[in-house]
Each structure stands twice: as structure tokens, then as C-alpha cells.
C-alpha atoms as a PDB file:
ATOM      1  CA  MET A   1      13.357  63.325   1.357  1.00  0.00           C
ATOM      2  CA  PRO A   2      17.049  63.932   2.067  1.00  0.00           C
ATOM      3  CA  GLN A   3      19.168  63.058  -0.969  1.00  0.00           C
ATOM      4  CA  ASP A   4      21.717  61.168   1.108  1.00  0.00           C
ATOM      5  CA  GLY A   5      18.896  58.852   2.227  1.00  0.00           C
ATOM      6  CA  VAL A   6      17.862  58.293  -1.391  1.00  0.00           C
ATOM      7  CA  ALA A   7      21.458  57.542  -2.357  1.00  0.00           C
ATOM      8  CA  GLU A   8      21.725  55.020   0.491  1.00  0.00           C
ATOM      9  CA  LEU A   9      18.489  53.344  -0.577  1.00  0.00           C
ATOM     10  CA  ALA A  10      19.715  53.099  -4.181  1.00  0.00           C
ATOM     11  CA  ARG A  11      23.004  51.639  -2.955  1.00  0.00           C
ATOM     12  CA  ARG A  12      21.179  48.894  -1.042  1.00  0.00           C
ATOM     13  CA  ILE A  13      19.019  47.791  -3.993  1.00  0.00           C
ATOM     14  CA  PRO A  14      20.854  45.286  -6.213  1.00  0.00           C
ATOM     15  CA  GLY A  15      21.421  46.971  -9.584  1.00  0.00           C
ATOM     16  CA  GLY A  16      20.023  50.221  -8.217  1.00  0.00           C
ATOM     17  CA  HIS A  17      21.413  53.646  -8.911  1.00  0.00           C
ATOM     18  CA  MET A  18      20.296  57.209  -8.415  1.00  0.00           C
ATOM     19  CA  VAL A  19      19.905  59.793 -11.153  1.00  0.00           C
ATOM     20  CA  THR A  20      19.361  63.433 -10.254  1.00  0.00           C
ATOM     21  CA  ILE A  21      17.580  65.763 -12.648  1.00  0.00           C
ATOM     22  CA  PRO A  22      17.855  69.155 -10.900  1.00  0.00           C
ATOM     23  CA  VAL A  23      14.445  70.626 -11.737  1.00  0.00           C
ATOM     24  CA  GLY A  24      12.398  70.253  -8.566  1.00  0.00           C
ATOM     25  CA  HIS A  25       9.540  68.010  -7.509  1.00  0.00           C
ATOM     26  CA  LEU A  26       7.523  67.568 -10.722  1.00  0.00           C
ATOM     27  CA  ILE A  27      10.329  66.097 -12.803  1.00  0.00           C
ATOM     28  CA  HIS A  28       8.096  64.540 -15.449  1.00  0.00           C
ATOM     29  CA  HIS A  29       6.449  67.940 -16.031  1.00  0.00           C
ATOM     30  CA  ALA A  30       9.482  70.222 -15.744  1.00  0.00           C
ATOM     31  CA  ALA A  31      11.890  68.074 -17.799  1.00  0.00           C
ATOM     32  CA  PRO A  32       9.854  65.479 -19.696  1.00  0.00           C
ATOM     33  CA  GLU A  33      12.623  64.636 -22.178  1.00  0.00           C
ATOM     34  CA  ALA A  34      15.257  64.043 -19.493  1.00  0.00           C
ATOM     35  CA  PHE A  35      12.788  62.081 -17.355  1.00  0.00           C
ATOM     36  CA  THR A  36      11.762  59.876 -20.288  1.00  0.00           C
ATOM     37  CA  GLU A  37      15.378  59.303 -21.315  1.00  0.00           C
ATOM     38  CA  VAL A  38      16.407  58.157 -17.829  1.00  0.00           C
ATOM     39  CA  VAL A  39      13.356  55.927 -17.319  1.00  0.00           C
ATOM     40  CA  ALA A  40      13.636  54.392 -20.810  1.00  0.00           C
ATOM     41  CA  ALA A  41      17.338  53.673 -20.291  1.00  0.00           C
ATOM     42  CA  PHE A  42      16.505  51.908 -17.025  1.00  0.00           C
ATOM     43  CA  LEU A  43      13.665  49.886 -18.530  1.00  0.00           C
ATOM     44  CA  LEU A  44      15.723  48.870 -21.537  1.00  0.00           C
ATOM     45  CA  THR A  45      18.727  47.579 -19.617  1.00  0.00           C
ATOM     46  CA  GLU A  46      19.327  43.904 -20.218  1.00  0.00           C
ATOM     47  CA  GLU A  47      18.619  42.996 -16.599  1.00  0.00           C
ATOM     48  CA  ASN A  48      15.175  44.647 -16.774  1.00  0.00           C
ATOM     49  CA  VAL A  49      14.034  43.288 -20.135  1.00  0.00           C
ATOM     50  CA  ARG A  50      11.843  40.243 -19.643  1.00  0.00           C
ATOM     51  CA  PRO A  51       9.641  38.373 -22.071  1.00  0.00           C
ATOM     52  CA  ALA A  52       5.976  39.327 -22.013  1.00  0.00           C
ATOM     53  CA  ARG A  53       3.953  37.214 -19.624  1.00  0.00           C
ATOM     54  CA  GLN A  54       1.591  34.829 -21.360  1.00  0.00           C
ATOM     55  CA  LEU A  55      -1.987  34.972 -20.134  1.00  0.00           C
END
């Protein structure tokens, strides 16, 4: 997928942003620490933290 298209998609999503880890297609395999750091930072942002759903 062209990176300019990804950047445009991220721009259109409220609160969205694009992070590039220049290691190729299998990011989670090639750079697991960087991948985990970026994903964890996203998940732990105040806007993404929600109370657990009660069943």
C-alpha cells in the first residue's frame, strides 16, 4: 500500500497518526520491541483507555 495513502487515511481518522518502523512487512517479527512500544503507547493513551466492560 502506498505510504501517502496510509498517511491520508491516518489524517482522516480522529486522533489517528501514522508511525513508520522501517523494517519491512513483518514488523512484529523484525522489530518486536519497537512494534510493542508503539502499540502499547497507542493503547495506553488517555483517549483509548476505557473501563473493562462488565459481563
